[in-house]
Amino acid sequence: MKRFAIELGYGADLHGADMTKAAVRAVRDAMSRVCLAGLVEILNLKDFQGVHVHVQVAVPVPEAVDVSALVPLVPIGTVEVSVVPGGLRTPGLL
C-alpha cells in the first residue's frame, strides 16, 4: 500500500470535554485541508474504489470516542479509524 497524503487536524471541546466532539472537529479540520487532486489519474483508477484511508485520532480518553461518528467524515474510500492515547486535557476544565 502506498501513502499519498498525510494531513493533521486539531479539535477541542473546551466546555464539555467530549472526546467524540473533539475528535470529530479534528477530522473535519484535517479533511478541510487535504487535497487529493489527481489521485485517480496517478493511480489510474476509474473511481475511488480501492483507496484506503486510515484516520488516527489521539485523545486523553480513547475509549470515550464513538468511532462510528468519525467514519462518515471521510468522503472517499474504505475508512479505518484508530483512536490512541494522546491529546491534552487542561486542568480546571471538565
N, C-alpha and C. Protein backbone atom coordinates (compact mmCIF):
# COMPACT_ATOMS: atom_id res chain seq x y z
N MET A 1 0.84 -1.17 0.00
CA MET A 1 0.00 0.00 0.00
C MET A 1 0.90 1.24 0.00
N LYS A 2 0.60 2.19 -0.87
CA LYS A 2 1.38 3.42 -0.98
C LYS A 2 0.66 4.56 -0.28
N ARG A 3 1.44 5.43 0.34
CA ARG A 3 0.89 6.61 1.04
C ARG A 3 0.99 7.80 0.09
N PHE A 4 -0.15 8.52 -0.07
CA PHE A 4 -0.17 9.66 -0.97
C PHE A 4 -0.46 10.98 -0.28
N ALA A 5 -1.01 10.94 0.92
CA ALA A 5 -1.32 12.19 1.61
C ALA A 5 -1.28 11.96 3.11
N ILE A 6 -0.78 12.95 3.81
CA ILE A 6 -0.82 12.97 5.27
C ILE A 6 -1.30 14.37 5.64
N GLU A 7 -2.25 14.44 6.54
CA GLU A 7 -2.75 15.73 6.98
C GLU A 7 -3.02 15.67 8.48
N LEU A 8 -2.80 16.78 9.14
CA LEU A 8 -3.04 16.88 10.58
C LEU A 8 -4.23 17.78 10.83
N GLY A 9 -4.98 17.49 11.88
CA GLY A 9 -6.12 18.32 12.24
C GLY A 9 -6.13 18.57 13.73
N TYR A 10 -6.81 19.60 14.14
CA TYR A 10 -6.92 19.97 15.55
C TYR A 10 -8.39 20.11 15.91
N GLY A 11 -8.75 19.57 17.05
CA GLY A 11 -10.12 19.72 17.52
C GLY A 11 -10.15 19.76 19.03
N ALA A 12 -11.07 20.51 19.58
CA ALA A 12 -11.19 20.62 21.03
C ALA A 12 -12.66 20.81 21.41
N ASP A 13 -12.99 20.40 22.62
CA ASP A 13 -14.29 20.69 23.21
C ASP A 13 -14.00 21.27 24.58
N LEU A 14 -13.86 22.57 24.63
CA LEU A 14 -13.44 23.24 25.86
C LEU A 14 -14.52 23.31 26.92
N HIS A 15 -15.77 23.22 26.53
CA HIS A 15 -16.85 23.39 27.50
C HIS A 15 -17.38 22.06 28.03
N GLY A 16 -17.31 21.00 27.24
CA GLY A 16 -17.90 19.75 27.68
C GLY A 16 -16.92 18.61 27.84
N ALA A 17 -15.67 18.80 27.39
CA ALA A 17 -14.65 17.76 27.43
C ALA A 17 -15.15 16.48 26.78
N ASP A 18 -15.94 16.61 25.70
CA ASP A 18 -16.47 15.47 24.97
C ASP A 18 -15.42 15.00 23.96
N MET A 19 -14.89 13.79 24.18
CA MET A 19 -13.81 13.26 23.34
C MET A 19 -14.27 13.05 21.90
N THR A 20 -15.50 12.61 21.70
CA THR A 20 -16.00 12.40 20.34
C THR A 20 -16.14 13.73 19.62
N LYS A 21 -16.67 14.73 20.30
CA LYS A 21 -16.83 16.05 19.68
C LYS A 21 -15.47 16.62 19.27
N ALA A 22 -14.47 16.49 20.12
CA ALA A 22 -13.12 16.97 19.79
C ALA A 22 -12.54 16.19 18.61
N ALA A 23 -12.75 14.87 18.60
CA ALA A 23 -12.23 14.03 17.51
C ALA A 23 -12.91 14.38 16.19
N VAL A 24 -14.22 14.59 16.21
CA VAL A 24 -14.94 15.00 15.00
C VAL A 24 -14.39 16.31 14.47
N ARG A 25 -14.16 17.26 15.35
CA ARG A 25 -13.61 18.55 14.92
C ARG A 25 -12.21 18.40 14.32
N ALA A 26 -11.40 17.53 14.89
CA ALA A 26 -10.05 17.30 14.37
C ALA A 26 -10.08 16.66 12.99
N VAL A 27 -10.95 15.67 12.80
CA VAL A 27 -11.05 15.01 11.49
C VAL A 27 -11.58 15.99 10.45
N ARG A 28 -12.60 16.76 10.81
CA ARG A 28 -13.12 17.78 9.88
C ARG A 28 -12.03 18.79 9.51
N ASP A 29 -11.25 19.20 10.49
CA ASP A 29 -10.18 20.16 10.25
C ASP A 29 -9.17 19.59 9.26
N ALA A 30 -8.76 18.36 9.47
CA ALA A 30 -7.80 17.73 8.56
C ALA A 30 -8.39 17.56 7.17
N MET A 31 -9.63 17.09 7.09
CA MET A 31 -10.26 16.84 5.79
C MET A 31 -10.46 18.14 5.01
N SER A 32 -10.60 19.25 5.71
CA SER A 32 -10.82 20.52 5.01
C SER A 32 -9.57 21.00 4.28
N ARG A 33 -8.41 20.46 4.63
CA ARG A 33 -7.16 20.90 4.00
C ARG A 33 -6.54 19.88 3.06
N VAL A 34 -6.86 18.62 3.18
CA VAL A 34 -6.21 17.61 2.35
C VAL A 34 -6.69 17.77 0.91
N CYS A 35 -5.78 17.66 -0.02
CA CYS A 35 -6.11 17.81 -1.43
C CYS A 35 -5.68 16.54 -2.16
N LEU A 36 -6.63 15.87 -2.76
CA LEU A 36 -6.33 14.62 -3.47
C LEU A 36 -6.50 14.79 -4.98
N ALA A 37 -6.37 16.02 -5.45
CA ALA A 37 -6.49 16.26 -6.88
C ALA A 37 -5.46 15.44 -7.63
N GLY A 38 -5.92 14.72 -8.63
CA GLY A 38 -5.01 13.92 -9.45
C GLY A 38 -4.81 12.51 -8.94
N LEU A 39 -5.36 12.16 -7.79
CA LEU A 39 -5.15 10.83 -7.23
C LEU A 39 -5.69 9.74 -8.17
N VAL A 40 -6.85 9.96 -8.74
CA VAL A 40 -7.42 8.97 -9.67
C VAL A 40 -6.50 8.78 -10.87
N GLU A 41 -5.93 9.88 -11.39
CA GLU A 41 -5.04 9.79 -12.53
C GLU A 41 -3.72 9.12 -12.16
N ILE A 42 -3.16 9.48 -11.01
CA ILE A 42 -1.89 8.91 -10.58
C ILE A 42 -2.00 7.40 -10.39
N LEU A 43 -3.09 6.97 -9.80
CA LEU A 43 -3.28 5.55 -9.52
C LEU A 43 -3.98 4.82 -10.67
N ASN A 44 -4.34 5.57 -11.70
CA ASN A 44 -5.01 5.01 -12.87
C ASN A 44 -6.30 4.30 -12.47
N LEU A 45 -7.12 4.99 -11.69
CA LEU A 45 -8.39 4.44 -11.21
C LEU A 45 -9.55 5.04 -11.99
N LYS A 46 -10.66 4.32 -12.01
CA LYS A 46 -11.88 4.86 -12.59
C LYS A 46 -12.70 5.62 -11.54
N ASP A 47 -12.50 5.26 -10.27
CA ASP A 47 -13.18 5.91 -9.16
C ASP A 47 -12.32 5.70 -7.90
N PHE A 48 -12.88 5.98 -6.74
CA PHE A 48 -12.10 5.86 -5.51
C PHE A 48 -12.20 4.49 -4.85
N GLN A 49 -12.73 3.50 -5.58
CA GLN A 49 -12.72 2.14 -5.06
C GLN A 49 -11.27 1.69 -4.95
N GLY A 50 -10.95 1.03 -3.87
CA GLY A 50 -9.57 0.58 -3.68
C GLY A 50 -8.71 1.57 -2.93
N VAL A 51 -9.22 2.77 -2.69
CA VAL A 51 -8.48 3.76 -1.90
C VAL A 51 -8.77 3.48 -0.42
N HIS A 52 -7.73 3.40 0.38
CA HIS A 52 -7.87 3.16 1.81
C HIS A 52 -7.44 4.41 2.57
N VAL A 53 -8.25 4.82 3.52
CA VAL A 53 -7.96 5.99 4.33
C VAL A 53 -7.84 5.54 5.78
N HIS A 54 -6.70 5.82 6.39
CA HIS A 54 -6.50 5.50 7.80
C HIS A 54 -6.53 6.80 8.58
N VAL A 55 -7.45 6.89 9.51
CA VAL A 55 -7.58 8.06 10.38
C VAL A 55 -7.08 7.65 11.76
N GLN A 56 -6.14 8.39 12.29
CA GLN A 56 -5.66 8.14 13.65
C GLN A 56 -5.94 9.39 14.48
N VAL A 57 -6.66 9.19 15.57
CA VAL A 57 -7.04 10.29 16.45
C VAL A 57 -6.45 10.03 17.82
N ALA A 58 -5.85 11.06 18.42
CA ALA A 58 -5.27 10.94 19.76
C ALA A 58 -6.07 11.81 20.72
N VAL A 59 -6.61 11.18 21.75
CA VAL A 59 -7.38 11.89 22.77
C VAL A 59 -7.00 11.36 24.15
N PRO A 60 -7.24 12.14 25.20
CA PRO A 60 -6.88 11.68 26.55
C PRO A 60 -7.60 10.41 27.00
N VAL A 61 -8.84 10.22 26.53
CA VAL A 61 -9.62 9.04 26.93
C VAL A 61 -10.12 8.35 25.65
N PRO A 62 -9.28 7.49 25.02
CA PRO A 62 -9.64 6.87 23.74
C PRO A 62 -10.95 6.10 23.76
N GLU A 63 -11.23 5.41 24.87
CA GLU A 63 -12.45 4.60 24.92
C GLU A 63 -13.72 5.45 24.96
N ALA A 64 -13.60 6.75 25.13
CA ALA A 64 -14.76 7.65 25.16
C ALA A 64 -15.15 8.15 23.78
N VAL A 65 -14.40 7.77 22.74
CA VAL A 65 -14.68 8.25 21.38
C VAL A 65 -15.60 7.26 20.67
N ASP A 66 -16.68 7.79 20.09
CA ASP A 66 -17.58 7.00 19.27
C ASP A 66 -17.01 6.98 17.85
N VAL A 67 -16.31 5.91 17.51
CA VAL A 67 -15.63 5.79 16.22
C VAL A 67 -16.62 5.89 15.06
N SER A 68 -17.83 5.42 15.26
CA SER A 68 -18.82 5.46 14.17
C SER A 68 -19.17 6.89 13.77
N ALA A 69 -18.89 7.87 14.61
CA ALA A 69 -19.14 9.27 14.27
C ALA A 69 -18.04 9.84 13.37
N LEU A 70 -16.89 9.17 13.31
CA LEU A 70 -15.75 9.68 12.54
C LEU A 70 -15.74 9.15 11.10
N VAL A 71 -16.17 7.93 10.90
CA VAL A 71 -16.10 7.30 9.57
C VAL A 71 -16.81 8.12 8.49
N PRO A 72 -18.03 8.61 8.72
CA PRO A 72 -18.72 9.36 7.66
C PRO A 72 -18.06 10.69 7.28
N LEU A 73 -17.11 11.15 8.07
CA LEU A 73 -16.46 12.43 7.79
C LEU A 73 -15.45 12.32 6.65
N VAL A 74 -15.07 11.10 6.31
CA VAL A 74 -14.11 10.88 5.22
C VAL A 74 -14.91 10.53 3.98
N PRO A 75 -14.86 11.39 2.94
CA PRO A 75 -15.77 11.25 1.81
C PRO A 75 -15.40 10.19 0.77
N ILE A 76 -14.22 9.59 0.89
CA ILE A 76 -13.82 8.63 -0.14
C ILE A 76 -13.23 7.37 0.48
N GLY A 77 -13.24 6.32 -0.30
CA GLY A 77 -12.50 5.12 0.04
C GLY A 77 -13.03 4.32 1.20
N THR A 78 -12.25 3.29 1.54
CA THR A 78 -12.50 2.47 2.70
C THR A 78 -11.82 3.13 3.89
N VAL A 79 -12.56 3.39 4.93
CA VAL A 79 -12.04 4.17 6.06
C VAL A 79 -11.78 3.26 7.26
N GLU A 80 -10.60 3.40 7.82
CA GLU A 80 -10.22 2.70 9.05
C GLU A 80 -9.86 3.77 10.07
N VAL A 81 -10.40 3.65 11.28
CA VAL A 81 -10.15 4.64 12.32
C VAL A 81 -9.49 3.97 13.51
N SER A 82 -8.42 4.57 14.00
CA SER A 82 -7.82 4.12 15.26
C SER A 82 -7.77 5.30 16.21
N VAL A 83 -8.09 5.03 17.46
CA VAL A 83 -8.08 6.06 18.49
C VAL A 83 -7.03 5.66 19.50
N VAL A 84 -6.08 6.56 19.75
CA VAL A 84 -4.94 6.26 20.62
C VAL A 84 -4.86 7.28 21.74
N PRO A 85 -4.17 6.92 22.83
CA PRO A 85 -3.98 7.89 23.91
C PRO A 85 -3.12 9.07 23.44
N GLY A 86 -3.51 10.26 23.84
CA GLY A 86 -2.75 11.46 23.47
C GLY A 86 -3.60 12.68 23.73
N GLY A 87 -3.32 13.73 23.00
CA GLY A 87 -4.08 14.95 23.19
C GLY A 87 -3.76 15.60 24.52
N LEU A 88 -4.63 16.48 24.94
CA LEU A 88 -4.39 17.25 26.15
C LEU A 88 -5.70 17.49 26.87
N ARG A 89 -5.69 17.27 28.14
CA ARG A 89 -6.83 17.63 28.99
C ARG A 89 -6.31 18.70 29.95
N THR A 90 -6.89 19.88 29.89
CA THR A 90 -6.41 21.00 30.69
C THR A 90 -7.01 20.98 32.08
N PRO A 91 -6.18 21.10 33.11
CA PRO A 91 -6.68 21.13 34.48
C PRO A 91 -7.65 22.30 34.65
N GLY A 92 -8.67 22.09 35.44
CA GLY A 92 -9.63 23.15 35.71
C GLY A 92 -10.85 23.09 34.80
N LEU A 93 -10.72 22.41 33.66
CA LEU A 93 -11.87 22.23 32.78
C LEU A 93 -12.48 20.88 33.11
N LEU A 94 -13.69 20.65 32.70
CA LEU A 94 -14.38 19.38 33.00
C LEU A 94 -13.53 18.17 32.81
